[in-house]
Amino acid sequence: MDIGTVGVMGAGTMGNGIAHVFARSGYSVTLCDVEQKFLDRAVETIANNLEREVAKNKITAADKTAALARIVTTVQQVRLAECDFVVEAATEKFEIKAELFRDLDRICRPEVIRILLRFRSPGLRR
């Protein structure tokens, strides 16, 4: 299966970093979170990080513009149904993660790859 669109559930530090890397690598990204203010902050962070890359001559201003154009934001989880690959980078609370994965299993096509991240703690806590 070819991956054209990557979904990222969670727009915090990990989520916006993941969205940044995928967008900069040429993938279309759907960044999803529960509130628009989290998405707005994530896009601002990504833009600032891309601007630092421009200042260091790692990318061009056109590359920055193109990467930002590849990112769409949404508060509607159902939009992740359009994605070929989904990364969950939300909370470390087990009950919420479990619910998110139940939702993703319902929303996503069977062949969609779904990845669970757990970087902030040594294990999921109940």
PDB file of N, CA and C in Angstrom:
ATOM      1  N   MET A   1       0.844  -1.181   0.000  1.00  0.00           N
ATOM      2  CA  MET A   1       0.000   0.000   0.000  1.00  0.00           C
ATOM      3  C   MET A   1       0.885   1.238   0.000  1.00  0.00           C
ATOM      4  N   ASP A   2       0.585   2.167  -0.874  1.00  0.00           N
ATOM      5  CA  ASP A   2       1.291   3.440  -0.895  1.00  0.00           C
ATOM      6  C   ASP A   2       0.714   4.353   0.172  1.00  0.00           C
ATOM      7  N   ILE A   3       1.582   5.090   0.821  1.00  0.00           N
ATOM      8  CA  ILE A   3       1.146   6.041   1.841  1.00  0.00           C
ATOM      9  C   ILE A   3       1.173   7.428   1.225  1.00  0.00           C
ATOM     10  N   GLY A   4      -0.007   8.034   1.128  1.00  0.00           N
ATOM     11  CA  GLY A   4      -0.117   9.381   0.588  1.00  0.00           C
ATOM     12  C   GLY A   4      -0.412  10.401   1.664  1.00  0.00           C
ATOM     13  N   THR A   5      -1.290  10.026   2.583  1.00  0.00           N
ATOM     14  CA  THR A   5      -1.697  10.948   3.647  1.00  0.00           C
ATOM     15  C   THR A   5      -1.459  10.298   4.999  1.00  0.00           C
ATOM     16  N   VAL A   6      -0.811  11.064   5.868  1.00  0.00           N
ATOM     17  CA  VAL A   6      -0.505  10.605   7.217  1.00  0.00           C
ATOM     18  C   VAL A   6      -1.394  11.360   8.192  1.00  0.00           C
ATOM     19  N   GLY A   7      -2.025  10.645   9.085  1.00  0.00           N
ATOM     20  CA  GLY A   7      -2.812  11.266  10.141  1.00  0.00           C
ATOM     21  C   GLY A   7      -2.015  11.275  11.428  1.00  0.00           C
ATOM     22  N   VAL A   8      -2.107  12.359  12.165  1.00  0.00           N
ATOM     23  CA  VAL A   8      -1.458  12.454  13.471  1.00  0.00           C
ATOM     24  C   VAL A   8      -2.527  12.854  14.472  1.00  0.00           C
ATOM     25  N   MET A   9      -2.777  11.968  15.423  1.00  0.00           N
ATOM     26  CA  MET A   9      -3.770  12.236  16.466  1.00  0.00           C
ATOM     27  C   MET A   9      -3.039  12.769  17.683  1.00  0.00           C
ATOM     28  N   GLY A  10      -3.215  14.058  17.935  1.00  0.00           N
ATOM     29  CA  GLY A  10      -2.536  14.729  19.039  1.00  0.00           C
ATOM     30  C   GLY A  10      -1.586  15.773  18.484  1.00  0.00           C
ATOM     31  N   ALA A  11      -1.776  17.028  18.876  1.00  0.00           N
ATOM     32  CA  ALA A  11      -0.994  18.134  18.322  1.00  0.00           C
ATOM     33  C   ALA A  11      -0.027  18.737  19.335  1.00  0.00           C
ATOM     34  N   GLY A  12       0.289  17.979  20.375  1.00  0.00           N
ATOM     35  CA  GLY A  12       1.242  18.462  21.374  1.00  0.00           C
ATOM     36  C   GLY A  12       2.667  18.387  20.857  1.00  0.00           C
ATOM     37  N   THR A  13       3.616  18.346  21.760  1.00  0.00           N
ATOM     38  CA  THR A  13       5.034  18.360  21.391  1.00  0.00           C
ATOM     39  C   THR A  13       5.388  17.224  20.434  1.00  0.00           C
ATOM     40  N   MET A  14       5.013  16.014  20.779  1.00  0.00           N
ATOM     41  CA  MET A  14       5.324  14.877  19.908  1.00  0.00           C
ATOM     42  C   MET A  14       4.542  14.957  18.603  1.00  0.00           C
ATOM     43  N   GLY A  15       3.253  15.224  18.713  1.00  0.00           N
ATOM     44  CA  GLY A  15       2.410  15.253  17.526  1.00  0.00           C
ATOM     45  C   GLY A  15       2.822  16.302  16.519  1.00  0.00           C
ATOM     46  N   ASN A  16       3.128  17.518  16.990  1.00  0.00           N
ATOM     47  CA  ASN A  16       3.500  18.543  16.009  1.00  0.00           C
ATOM     48  C   ASN A  16       4.872  18.248  15.410  1.00  0.00           C
ATOM     49  N   GLY A  17       5.754  17.610  16.186  1.00  0.00           N
ATOM     50  CA  GLY A  17       7.047  17.214  15.632  1.00  0.00           C
ATOM     51  C   GLY A  17       6.904  16.149  14.559  1.00  0.00           C
ATOM     52  N   ILE A  18       6.032  15.187  14.804  1.00  0.00           N
ATOM     53  CA  ILE A  18       5.779  14.132  13.825  1.00  0.00           C
ATOM     54  C   ILE A  18       5.156  14.719  12.562  1.00  0.00           C
ATOM     55  N   ALA A  19       4.172  15.600  12.733  1.00  0.00           N
ATOM     56  CA  ALA A  19       3.534  16.246  11.580  1.00  0.00           C
ATOM     57  C   ALA A  19       4.563  17.044  10.771  1.00  0.00           C
ATOM     58  N   HIS A  20       5.445  17.762  11.461  1.00  0.00           N
ATOM     59  CA  HIS A  20       6.506  18.557  10.823  1.00  0.00           C
ATOM     60  C   HIS A  20       7.367  17.663   9.936  1.00  0.00           C
ATOM     61  N   VAL A  21       7.859  16.555  10.485  1.00  0.00           N
ATOM     62  CA  VAL A  21       8.768  15.679   9.746  1.00  0.00           C
ATOM     63  C   VAL A  21       8.076  15.064   8.528  1.00  0.00           C
ATOM     64  N   PHE A  22       6.854  14.587   8.702  1.00  0.00           N
ATOM     65  CA  PHE A  22       6.147  14.004   7.564  1.00  0.00           C
ATOM     66  C   PHE A  22       5.869  15.053   6.495  1.00  0.00           C
ATOM     67  N   ALA A  23       5.403  16.237   6.886  1.00  0.00           N
ATOM     68  CA  ALA A  23       5.110  17.289   5.903  1.00  0.00           C
ATOM     69  C   ALA A  23       6.376  17.719   5.175  1.00  0.00           C
ATOM     70  N   ARG A  24       7.467  17.867   5.906  1.00  0.00           N
ATOM     71  CA  ARG A  24       8.733  18.269   5.298  1.00  0.00           C
ATOM     72  C   ARG A  24       9.251  17.186   4.355  1.00  0.00           C
ATOM     73  N   SER A  25       8.854  15.943   4.595  1.00  0.00           N
ATOM     74  CA  SER A  25       9.274  14.816   3.755  1.00  0.00           C
ATOM     75  C   SER A  25       8.361  14.608   2.550  1.00  0.00           C
ATOM     76  N   GLY A  26       7.374  15.476   2.390  1.00  0.00           N
ATOM     77  CA  GLY A  26       6.527  15.429   1.198  1.00  0.00           C
ATOM     78  C   GLY A  26       5.173  14.776   1.364  1.00  0.00           C
ATOM     79  N   TYR A  27       4.848  14.328   2.557  1.00  0.00           N
ATOM     80  CA  TYR A  27       3.543  13.697   2.785  1.00  0.00           C
ATOM     81  C   TYR A  27       2.479  14.735   3.124  1.00  0.00           C
ATOM     82  N   SER A  28       1.264  14.469   2.697  1.00  0.00           N
ATOM     83  CA  SER A  28       0.119  15.247   3.162  1.00  0.00           C
ATOM     84  C   SER A  28      -0.165  14.785   4.584  1.00  0.00           C
ATOM     85  N   VAL A  29      -0.483  15.723   5.465  1.00  0.00           N
ATOM     86  CA  VAL A  29      -0.686  15.408   6.877  1.00  0.00           C
ATOM     87  C   VAL A  29      -2.031  15.945   7.339  1.00  0.00           C
ATOM     88  N   THR A  30      -2.781  15.113   8.026  1.00  0.00           N
ATOM     89  CA  THR A  30      -3.993  15.538   8.715  1.00  0.00           C
ATOM     90  C   THR A  30      -3.677  15.494  10.201  1.00  0.00           C
ATOM     91  N   LEU A  31      -3.614  16.667  10.822  1.00  0.00           N
ATOM     92  CA  LEU A  31      -3.285  16.795  12.239  1.00  0.00           C
ATOM     93  C   LEU A  31      -4.584  17.002  13.007  1.00  0.00           C
ATOM     94  N   CYS A  32      -4.863  16.111  13.956  1.00  0.00           N
ATOM     95  CA  CYS A  32      -6.139  16.111  14.657  1.00  0.00           C
ATOM     96  C   CYS A  32      -5.922  16.272  16.159  1.00  0.00           C
ATOM     97  N   ASP A  33      -6.760  17.079  16.788  1.00  0.00           N
ATOM     98  CA  ASP A  33      -6.754  17.214  18.241  1.00  0.00           C
ATOM     99  C   ASP A  33      -8.165  17.584  18.681  1.00  0.00           C
ATOM    100  N   VAL A  34      -8.374  17.643  19.984  1.00  0.00           N
ATOM    101  CA  VAL A  34      -9.712  17.861  20.523  1.00  0.00           C
ATOM    102  C   VAL A  34     -10.141  19.324  20.513  1.00  0.00           C
ATOM    103  N   GLU A  35      -9.193  20.252  20.424  1.00  0.00           N
ATOM    104  CA  GLU A  35      -9.538  21.679  20.400  1.00  0.00           C
ATOM    105  C   GLU A  35      -8.713  22.406  19.356  1.00  0.00           C
ATOM    106  N   GLN A  36      -9.344  23.364  18.679  1.00  0.00           N
ATOM    107  CA  GLN A  36      -8.673  24.133  17.634  1.00  0.00           C
ATOM    108  C   GLN A  36      -7.472  24.903  18.176  1.00  0.00           C
ATOM    109  N   LYS A  37      -7.549  25.359  19.426  1.00  0.00           N
ATOM    110  CA  LYS A  37      -6.423  26.130  19.973  1.00  0.00           C
ATOM    111  C   LYS A  37      -5.152  25.288  20.035  1.00  0.00           C
ATOM    112  N   PHE A  38      -5.271  23.981  20.274  1.00  0.00           N
ATOM    113  CA  PHE A  38      -4.097  23.104  20.285  1.00  0.00           C
ATOM    114  C   PHE A  38      -3.523  22.963  18.873  1.00  0.00           C
ATOM    115  N   LEU A  39      -4.398  22.891  17.897  1.00  0.00           N
ATOM    116  CA  LEU A  39      -3.972  22.793  16.504  1.00  0.00           C
ATOM    117  C   LEU A  39      -3.302  24.079  16.040  1.00  0.00           C
ATOM    118  N   ASP A  40      -3.877  25.220  16.420  1.00  0.00           N
ATOM    119  CA  ASP A  40      -3.292  26.510  16.045  1.00  0.00           C
ATOM    120  C   ASP A  40      -1.893  26.655  16.629  1.00  0.00           C
ATOM    121  N   ARG A  41      -1.738  26.264  17.892  1.00  0.00           N
ATOM    122  CA  ARG A  41      -0.428  26.344  18.540  1.00  0.00           C
ATOM    123  C   ARG A  41       0.561  25.402  17.846  1.00  0.00           C
ATOM    124  N   ALA A  42       0.102  24.227  17.457  1.00  0.00           N
ATOM    125  CA  ALA A  42       0.974  23.265  16.781  1.00  0.00           C
ATOM    126  C   ALA A  42       1.468  23.802  15.443  1.00  0.00           C
ATOM    127  N   VAL A  43       0.577  24.369  14.653  1.00  0.00           N
ATOM    128  CA  VAL A  43       0.971  24.911  13.351  1.00  0.00           C
ATOM    129  C   VAL A  43       1.928  26.086  13.534  1.00  0.00           C
ATOM    130  N   GLU A  44       1.705  26.901  14.545  1.00  0.00           N
ATOM    131  CA  GLU A  44       2.621  28.008  14.837  1.00  0.00           C
ATOM    132  C   GLU A  44       4.007  27.463  15.205  1.00  0.00           C
ATOM    133  N   THR A  45       4.040  26.430  16.023  1.00  0.00           N
ATOM    134  CA  THR A  45       5.320  25.812  16.401  1.00  0.00           C
ATOM    135  C   THR A  45       6.032  25.234  15.189  1.00  0.00           C
ATOM    136  N   ILE A  46       5.289  24.527  14.350  1.00  0.00           N
ATOM    137  CA  ILE A  46       5.876  23.952  13.136  1.00  0.00           C
ATOM    138  C   ILE A  46       6.438  25.062  12.245  1.00  0.00           C
ATOM    139  N   ALA A  47       5.677  26.136  12.065  1.00  0.00           N
ATOM    140  CA  ALA A  47       6.136  27.260  11.241  1.00  0.00           C
ATOM    141  C   ALA A  47       7.423  27.860  11.809  1.00  0.00           C
ATOM    142  N   ASN A  48       7.475  28.030  13.117  1.00  0.00           N
ATOM    143  CA  ASN A  48       8.684  28.579  13.753  1.00  0.00           C
ATOM    144  C   ASN A  48       9.876  27.643  13.578  1.00  0.00           C
ATOM    145  N   ASN A  49       9.644  26.354  13.737  1.00  0.00           N
ATOM    146  CA  ASN A  49      10.727  25.386  13.559  1.00  0.00           C
ATOM    147  C   ASN A  49      11.216  25.345  12.112  1.00  0.00           C
ATOM    148  N   LEU A  50      10.294  25.418  11.173  1.00  0.00           N
ATOM    149  CA  LEU A  50      10.683  25.472   9.763  1.00  0.00           C
ATOM    150  C   LEU A  50      11.456  26.748   9.463  1.00  0.00           C
ATOM    151  N   GLU A  51      11.048  27.849  10.080  1.00  0.00           N
ATOM    152  CA  GLU A  51      11.758  29.124   9.872  1.00  0.00           C
ATOM    153  C   GLU A  51      13.196  29.028  10.374  1.00  0.00           C
ATOM    154  N   ARG A  52      13.409  28.334  11.481  1.00  0.00           N
ATOM    155  CA  ARG A  52      14.783  28.112  11.972  1.00  0.00           C
ATOM    156  C   ARG A  52      15.602  27.320  10.946  1.00  0.00           C
ATOM    157  N   GLU A  53      14.945  26.347  10.313  1.00  0.00           N
ATOM    158  CA  GLU A  53      15.638  25.570   9.287  1.00  0.00           C
ATOM    159  C   GLU A  53      15.996  26.440   8.084  1.00  0.00           C
ATOM    160  N   VAL A  54      15.116  27.371   7.736  1.00  0.00           N
ATOM    161  CA  VAL A  54      15.405  28.312   6.651  1.00  0.00           C
ATOM    162  C   VAL A  54      16.601  29.181   7.033  1.00  0.00           C
ATOM    163  N   ALA A  55      16.589  29.703   8.265  1.00  0.00           N
ATOM    164  CA  ALA A  55      17.676  30.569   8.732  1.00  0.00           C
ATOM    165  C   ALA A  55      19.024  29.853   8.724  1.00  0.00           C
ATOM    166  N   LYS A  56      19.004  28.536   8.927  1.00  0.00           N
ATOM    167  CA  LYS A  56      20.244  27.741   8.933  1.00  0.00           C
ATOM    168  C   LYS A  56      20.571  27.192   7.538  1.00  0.00           C
ATOM    169  N   ASN A  57      19.814  27.628   6.532  1.00  0.00           N
ATOM    170  CA  ASN A  57      19.997  27.179   5.144  1.00  0.00           C
ATOM    171  C   ASN A  57      19.845  25.666   4.977  1.00  0.00           C
ATOM    172  N   LYS A  58      19.020  25.047   5.829  1.00  0.00           N
ATOM    173  CA  LYS A  58      18.739  23.616   5.680  1.00  0.00           C
ATOM    174  C   LYS A  58      17.628  23.390   4.669  1.00  0.00           C
ATOM    175  N   ILE A  59      16.706  24.348   4.589  1.00  0.00           N
ATOM    176  CA  ILE A  59      15.628  24.316   3.602  1.00  0.00           C
ATOM    177  C   ILE A  59      15.454  25.733   3.058  1.00  0.00           C
ATOM    178  N   THR A  60      14.710  25.850   1.966  1.00  0.00           N
ATOM    179  CA  THR A  60      14.420  27.174   1.400  1.00  0.00           C
ATOM    180  C   THR A  60      13.085  27.685   1.945  1.00  0.00           C
ATOM    181  N   ALA A  61      12.834  28.951   1.736  1.00  0.00           N
ATOM    182  CA  ALA A  61      11.544  29.525   2.125  1.00  0.00           C
ATOM    183  C   ALA A  61      10.412  28.824   1.377  1.00  0.00           C
ATOM    184  N   ALA A  62      10.662  28.438   0.139  1.00  0.00           N
ATOM    185  CA  ALA A  62       9.651  27.711  -0.646  1.00  0.00           C
ATOM    186  C   ALA A  62       9.383  26.335  -0.040  1.00  0.00           C
ATOM    187  N   ASP A  63      10.426  25.688   0.470  1.00  0.00           N
ATOM    188  CA  ASP A  63      10.247  24.392   1.140  1.00  0.00           C
ATOM    189  C   ASP A  63       9.363  24.557   2.372  1.00  0.00           C
ATOM    190  N   LYS A  64       9.596  25.622   3.127  1.00  0.00           N
ATOM    191  CA  LYS A  64       8.791  25.901   4.322  1.00  0.00           C
ATOM    192  C   LYS A  64       7.333  26.077   3.930  1.00  0.00           C
ATOM    193  N   THR A  65       7.093  26.905   2.930  1.00  0.00           N
ATOM    194  CA  THR A  65       5.728  27.164   2.474  1.00  0.00           C
ATOM    195  C   THR A  65       5.047  25.882   2.009  1.00  0.00           C
ATOM    196  N   ALA A  66       5.790  25.068   1.267  1.00  0.00           N
ATOM    197  CA  ALA A  66       5.227  23.807   0.755  1.00  0.00           C
ATOM    198  C   ALA A  66       4.905  22.853   1.900  1.00  0.00           C
ATOM    199  N   ALA A  67       5.794  22.756   2.887  1.00  0.00           N
ATOM    200  CA  ALA A  67       5.549  21.859   4.024  1.00  0.00           C
ATOM    201  C   ALA A  67       4.308  22.295   4.785  1.00  0.00           C
ATOM    202  N   LEU A  68       4.183  23.589   5.057  1.00  0.00           N
ATOM    203  CA  LEU A  68       2.997  24.085   5.776  1.00  0.00           C
ATOM    204  C   LEU A  68       1.718  23.850   4.982  1.00  0.00           C
ATOM    205  N   ALA A  69       1.802  23.941   3.663  1.00  0.00           N
ATOM    206  CA  ALA A  69       0.627  23.724   2.816  1.00  0.00           C
ATOM    207  C   ALA A  69       0.169  22.269   2.836  1.00  0.00           C
ATOM    208  N   ARG A  70       1.062  21.365   3.194  1.00  0.00           N
ATOM    209  CA  ARG A  70       0.716  19.937   3.235  1.00  0.00           C
ATOM    210  C   ARG A  70      -0.030  19.558   4.513  1.00  0.00           C
ATOM    211  N   ILE A  71      -0.100  20.455   5.486  1.00  0.00           N
ATOM    212  CA  ILE A  71      -0.727  20.153   6.769  1.00  0.00           C
ATOM    213  C   ILE A  71      -2.135  20.733   6.821  1.00  0.00           C
ATOM    214  N   VAL A  72      -3.110  19.870   7.076  1.00  0.00           N
ATOM    215  CA  VAL A  72      -4.465  20.335   7.352  1.00  0.00           C
ATOM    216  C   VAL A  72      -4.787  19.943   8.791  1.00  0.00           C
ATOM    217  N   THR A  73      -5.552  20.777   9.453  1.00  0.00           N
ATOM    218  CA  THR A  73      -5.900  20.512  10.844  1.00  0.00           C
ATOM    219  C   THR A  73      -7.398  20.248  10.965  1.00  0.00           C
ATOM    220  N   THR A  74      -7.733  19.478  11.989  1.00  0.00           N
ATOM    221  CA  THR A  74      -9.144  19.163  12.216  1.00  0.00           C
ATOM    222  C   THR A  74      -9.380  18.769  13.669  1.00  0.00           C
ATOM    223  N   VAL A  75     -10.575  19.041  14.129  1.00  0.00           N
ATOM    224  CA  VAL A  75     -11.011  18.550  15.440  1.00  0.00           C
ATOM    225  C   VAL A  75     -11.967  17.365  15.260  1.00  0.00           C
ATOM    226  N   GLN A  76     -12.161  16.954  14.022  1.00  0.00           N
ATOM    227  CA  GLN A  76     -13.074  15.853  13.709  1.00  0.00           C
ATOM    228  C   GLN A  76     -12.279  14.586  13.404  1.00  0.00           C
ATOM    229  N   GLN A  77     -12.315  13.629  14.341  1.00  0.00           N
ATOM    230  CA  GLN A  77     -11.564  12.390  14.159  1.00  0.00           C
ATOM    231  C   GLN A  77     -11.935  11.670  12.866  1.00  0.00           C
ATOM    232  N   VAL A  78     -13.150  11.827  12.419  1.00  0.00           N
ATOM    233  CA  VAL A  78     -13.603  11.132  11.215  1.00  0.00           C
ATOM    234  C   VAL A  78     -12.747  11.495  10.000  1.00  0.00           C
ATOM    235  N   ARG A  79     -12.100  12.655  10.023  1.00  0.00           N
ATOM    236  CA  ARG A  79     -11.218  13.055   8.910  1.00  0.00           C
ATOM    237  C   ARG A  79     -10.005  12.133   8.788  1.00  0.00           C
ATOM    238  N   LEU A  80      -9.672  11.411   9.852  1.00  0.00           N
ATOM    239  CA  LEU A  80      -8.550  10.475   9.797  1.00  0.00           C
ATOM    240  C   LEU A  80      -8.871   9.268   8.915  1.00  0.00           C
ATOM    241  N   ALA A  81     -10.138   9.089   8.560  1.00  0.00           N
ATOM    242  CA  ALA A  81     -10.541   8.001   7.659  1.00  0.00           C
ATOM    243  C   ALA A  81      -9.897   8.152   6.286  1.00  0.00           C
ATOM    244  N   GLU A  82      -9.505   9.365   5.932  1.00  0.00           N
ATOM    245  CA  GLU A  82      -8.886   9.636   4.632  1.00  0.00           C
ATOM    246  C   GLU A  82      -7.405   9.282   4.615  1.00  0.00           C
ATOM    247  N   CYS A  83      -6.833   8.935   5.757  1.00  0.00           N
ATOM    248  CA  CYS A  83      -5.395   8.717   5.879  1.00  0.00           C
ATOM    249  C   CYS A  83      -5.018   7.261   5.608  1.00  0.00           C
ATOM    250  N   ASP A  84      -3.769   7.079   5.170  1.00  0.00           N
ATOM    251  CA  ASP A  84      -3.233   5.745   4.897  1.00  0.00           C
ATOM    252  C   ASP A  84      -2.390   5.224   6.055  1.00  0.00           C
ATOM    253  N   PHE A  85      -2.001   6.123   6.936  1.00  0.00           N
ATOM    254  CA  PHE A  85      -1.103   5.807   8.051  1.00  0.00           C
ATOM    255  C   PHE A  85      -1.474   6.764   9.167  1.00  0.00           C
ATOM    256  N   VAL A  86      -1.724   6.262  10.371  1.00  0.00           N
ATOM    257  CA  VAL A  86      -2.144   7.124  11.476  1.00  0.00           C
ATOM    258  C   VAL A  86      -1.235   6.891  12.676  1.00  0.00           C
ATOM    259  N   VAL A  87      -0.703   7.984  13.217  1.00  0.00           N
ATOM    260  CA  VAL A  87       0.138   7.938  14.406  1.00  0.00           C
ATOM    261  C   VAL A  87      -0.643   8.565  15.550  1.00  0.00           C
ATOM    262  N   GLU A  88      -0.768   7.844  16.638  1.00  0.00           N
ATOM    263  CA  GLU A  88      -1.437   8.361  17.825  1.00  0.00           C
ATOM    264  C   GLU A  88      -0.357   8.923  18.743  1.00  0.00           C
ATOM    265  N   ALA A  89      -0.437  10.226  19.009  1.00  0.00           N
ATOM    266  CA  ALA A  89       0.538  10.912  19.860  1.00  0.00           C
ATOM    267  C   ALA A  89      -0.202  11.762  20.882  1.00  0.00           C
ATOM    268  N   ALA A  90      -1.226  11.191  21.463  1.00  0.00           N
ATOM    269  CA  ALA A  90      -2.051  11.929  22.418  1.00  0.00           C
ATOM    270  C   ALA A  90      -1.598  11.630  23.839  1.00  0.00           C
ATOM    271  N   THR A  91      -2.487  11.610  24.720  1.00  0.00           N
ATOM    272  CA  THR A  91      -2.222  11.452  26.147  1.00  0.00           C
ATOM    273  C   THR A  91      -1.660  10.083  26.510  1.00  0.00           C
ATOM    274  N   GLU A  92      -1.078   9.979  27.675  1.00  0.00           N
ATOM    275  CA  GLU A  92      -0.571   8.702  28.181  1.00  0.00           C
ATOM    276  C   GLU A  92      -1.592   7.987  29.063  1.00  0.00           C
ATOM    277  N   LYS A  93      -2.768   8.525  29.205  1.00  0.00           N
ATOM    278  CA  LYS A  93      -3.800   7.885  30.029  1.00  0.00           C
ATOM    279  C   LYS A  93      -4.396   6.708  29.275  1.00  0.00           C
ATOM    280  N   PHE A  94      -4.305   5.534  29.891  1.00  0.00           N
ATOM    281  CA  PHE A  94      -4.715   4.291  29.239  1.00  0.00           C
ATOM    282  C   PHE A  94      -6.149   4.345  28.718  1.00  0.00           C
ATOM    283  N   GLU A  95      -7.075   4.807  29.536  1.00  0.00           N
ATOM    284  CA  GLU A  95      -8.487   4.807  29.143  1.00  0.00           C
ATOM    285  C   GLU A  95      -8.708   5.660  27.894  1.00  0.00           C
ATOM    286  N   ILE A  96      -8.026   6.788  27.820  1.00  0.00           N
ATOM    287  CA  ILE A  96      -8.188   7.675  26.660  1.00  0.00           C
ATOM    288  C   ILE A  96      -7.539   7.048  25.428  1.00  0.00           C
ATOM    289  N   LYS A  97      -6.335   6.489  25.590  1.00  0.00           N
ATOM    290  CA  LYS A  97      -5.671   5.829  24.465  1.00  0.00           C
ATOM    291  C   LYS A  97      -6.523   4.671  23.938  1.00  0.00           C
ATOM    292  N   ALA A  98      -7.063   3.870  24.847  1.00  0.00           N
ATOM    293  CA  ALA A  98      -7.895   2.737  24.439  1.00  0.00           C
ATOM    294  C   ALA A  98      -9.113   3.220  23.648  1.00  0.00           C
ATOM    295  N   GLU A  99      -9.733   4.287  24.136  1.00  0.00           N
ATOM    296  CA  GLU A  99     -10.890   4.848  23.428  1.00  0.00           C
ATOM    297  C   GLU A  99     -10.488   5.376  22.057  1.00  0.00           C
ATOM    298  N   LEU A 100      -9.341   6.054  21.971  1.00  0.00           N
ATOM    299  CA  LEU A 100      -8.862   6.559  20.682  1.00  0.00           C
ATOM    300  C   LEU A 100      -8.648   5.419  19.694  1.00  0.00           C
ATOM    301  N   PHE A 101      -8.053   4.327  20.163  1.00  0.00           N
ATOM    302  CA  PHE A 101      -7.819   3.205  19.259  1.00  0.00           C
ATOM    303  C   PHE A 101      -9.108   2.517  18.856  1.00  0.00           C
ATOM    304  N   ARG A 102     -10.074   2.444  19.746  1.00  0.00           N
ATOM    305  CA  ARG A 102     -11.389   1.906  19.349  1.00  0.00           C
ATOM    306  C   ARG A 102     -11.996   2.798  18.262  1.00  0.00           C
ATOM    307  N   ASP A 103     -11.885   4.110  18.440  1.00  0.00           N
ATOM    308  CA  ASP A 103     -12.397   5.047  17.437  1.00  0.00           C
ATOM    309  C   ASP A 103     -11.655   4.871  16.112  1.00  0.00           C
ATOM    310  N   LEU A 104     -10.315   4.775  16.173  1.00  0.00           N
ATOM    311  CA  LEU A 104      -9.533   4.609  14.947  1.00  0.00           C
ATOM    312  C   LEU A 104      -9.876   3.295  14.251  1.00  0.00           C
ATOM    313  N   ASP A 105     -10.085   2.236  15.014  1.00  0.00           N
ATOM    314  CA  ASP A 105     -10.470   0.952  14.412  1.00  0.00           C
ATOM    315  C   ASP A 105     -11.806   1.063  13.697  1.00  0.00           C
ATOM    316  N   ARG A 106     -12.697   1.868  14.234  1.00  0.00           N
ATOM    317  CA  ARG A 106     -14.019   2.068  13.629  1.00  0.00           C
ATOM    318  C   ARG A 106     -13.929   2.971  12.400  1.00  0.00           C
ATOM    319  N   ILE A 107     -13.087   4.009  12.477  1.00  0.00           N
ATOM    320  CA  ILE A 107     -13.005   5.048  11.443  1.00  0.00           C
ATOM    321  C   ILE A 107     -12.152   4.615  10.251  1.00  0.00           C
ATOM    322  N   CYS A 108     -11.001   4.031  10.522  1.00  0.00           N
ATOM    323  CA  CYS A 108     -10.010   3.754   9.483  1.00  0.00           C
ATOM    324  C   CYS A 108     -10.321   2.484   8.696  1.00  0.00           C
ATOM    325  N   ARG A 109      -9.872   2.479   7.451  1.00  0.00           N
ATOM    326  CA  ARG A 109      -9.967   1.272   6.631  1.00  0.00           C
ATOM    327  C   ARG A 109      -9.111   0.178   7.263  1.00  0.00           C
ATOM    328  N   PRO A 110      -9.427  -1.083   7.050  1.00  0.00           N
ATOM    329  CA  PRO A 110      -8.668  -2.173   7.680  1.00  0.00           C
ATOM    330  C   PRO A 110      -7.175  -2.163   7.351  1.00  0.00           C
ATOM    331  N   GLU A 111      -6.815  -1.731   6.150  1.00  0.00           N
ATOM    332  CA  GLU A 111      -5.413  -1.757   5.741  1.00  0.00           C
ATOM    333  C   GLU A 111      -4.591  -0.576   6.255  1.00  0.00           C
ATOM    334  N   VAL A 112      -5.229   0.369   6.889  1.00  0.00           N
ATOM    335  CA  VAL A 112      -4.516   1.542   7.404  1.00  0.00           C
ATOM    336  C   VAL A 112      -3.628   1.135   8.570  1.00  0.00           C
ATOM    337  N   ILE A 113      -2.393   1.587   8.521  1.00  0.00           N
ATOM    338  CA  ILE A 113      -1.432   1.307   9.587  1.00  0.00           C
ATOM    339  C   ILE A 113      -1.677   2.292  10.725  1.00  0.00           C
ATOM    340  N   ARG A 114      -1.805   1.768  11.956  1.00  0.00           N
ATOM    341  CA  ARG A 114      -2.026   2.611  13.126  1.00  0.00           C
ATOM    342  C   ARG A 114      -0.894   2.375  14.112  1.00  0.00           C
ATOM    343  N   ILE A 115      -0.270   3.457  14.535  1.00  0.00           N
ATOM    344  CA  ILE A 115       0.891   3.382  15.421  1.00  0.00           C
ATOM    345  C   ILE A 115       0.570   4.065  16.743  1.00  0.00           C
ATOM    346  N   LEU A 116       0.908   3.406  17.826  1.00  0.00           N
ATOM    347  CA  LEU A 116       0.742   3.941  19.182  1.00  0.00           C
ATOM    348  C   LEU A 116       2.106   4.414  19.673  1.00  0.00           C
ATOM    349  N   LEU A 117       2.161   5.627  20.191  1.00  0.00           N
ATOM    350  CA  LEU A 117       3.406   6.150  20.758  1.00  0.00           C
ATOM    351  C   LEU A 117       3.295   6.228  22.269  1.00  0.00           C
ATOM    352  N   ARG A 118       4.395   5.998  22.945  1.00  0.00           N
ATOM    353  CA  ARG A 118       4.426   6.179  24.393  1.00  0.00           C
ATOM    354  C   ARG A 118       5.837   6.597  24.801  1.00  0.00           C
ATOM    355  N   PHE A 119       6.139   7.850  24.613  1.00  0.00           N
ATOM    356  CA  PHE A 119       7.462   8.380  24.896  1.00  0.00           C
ATOM    357  C   PHE A 119       7.592   9.012  26.273  1.00  0.00           C
ATOM    358  N   ARG A 120       6.527   9.494  26.826  1.00  0.00           N
ATOM    359  CA  ARG A 120       6.622  10.290  28.042  1.00  0.00           C
ATOM    360  C   ARG A 120       6.714   9.468  29.318  1.00  0.00           C
ATOM    361  N   SER A 121       6.356   8.206  29.247  1.00  0.00           N
ATOM    362  CA  SER A 121       6.388   7.398  30.464  1.00  0.00           C
ATOM    363  C   SER A 121       6.865   5.991  30.132  1.00  0.00           C
ATOM    364  N   PRO A 122       7.375   5.276  31.127  1.00  0.00           N
ATOM    365  CA  PRO A 122       7.873   3.935  30.862  1.00  0.00           C
ATOM    366  C   PRO A 122       6.787   2.935  30.502  1.00  0.00           C
ATOM    367  N   GLY A 123       5.546   3.246  30.771  1.00  0.00           N
ATOM    368  CA  GLY A 123       4.450   2.329  30.439  1.00  0.00           C
ATOM    369  C   GLY A 123       3.122   3.027  30.599  1.00  0.00           C
ATOM    370  N   LEU A 124       2.142   2.469  29.961  1.00  0.00           N
ATOM    371  CA  LEU A 124       0.814   3.033  30.090  1.00  0.00           C
ATOM    372  C   LEU A 124       0.301   2.789  31.506  1.00  0.00           C
ATOM    373  N   ARG A 125      -0.309   3.769  32.063  1.00  0.00           N
ATOM    374  CA  ARG A 125      -0.824   3.662  33.425  1.00  0.00           C
ATOM    375  C   ARG A 125      -2.342   3.566  33.387  1.00  0.00           C
ATOM    376  N   ARG A 126      -2.867   2.706  34.205  1.00  0.00           N
ATOM    377  CA  ARG A 126      -4.324   2.593  34.307  1.00  0.00           C
ATOM    378  C   ARG A 126      -4.809   3.410  35.478  1.00  0.00           C
TER     379      ARG A 126
END
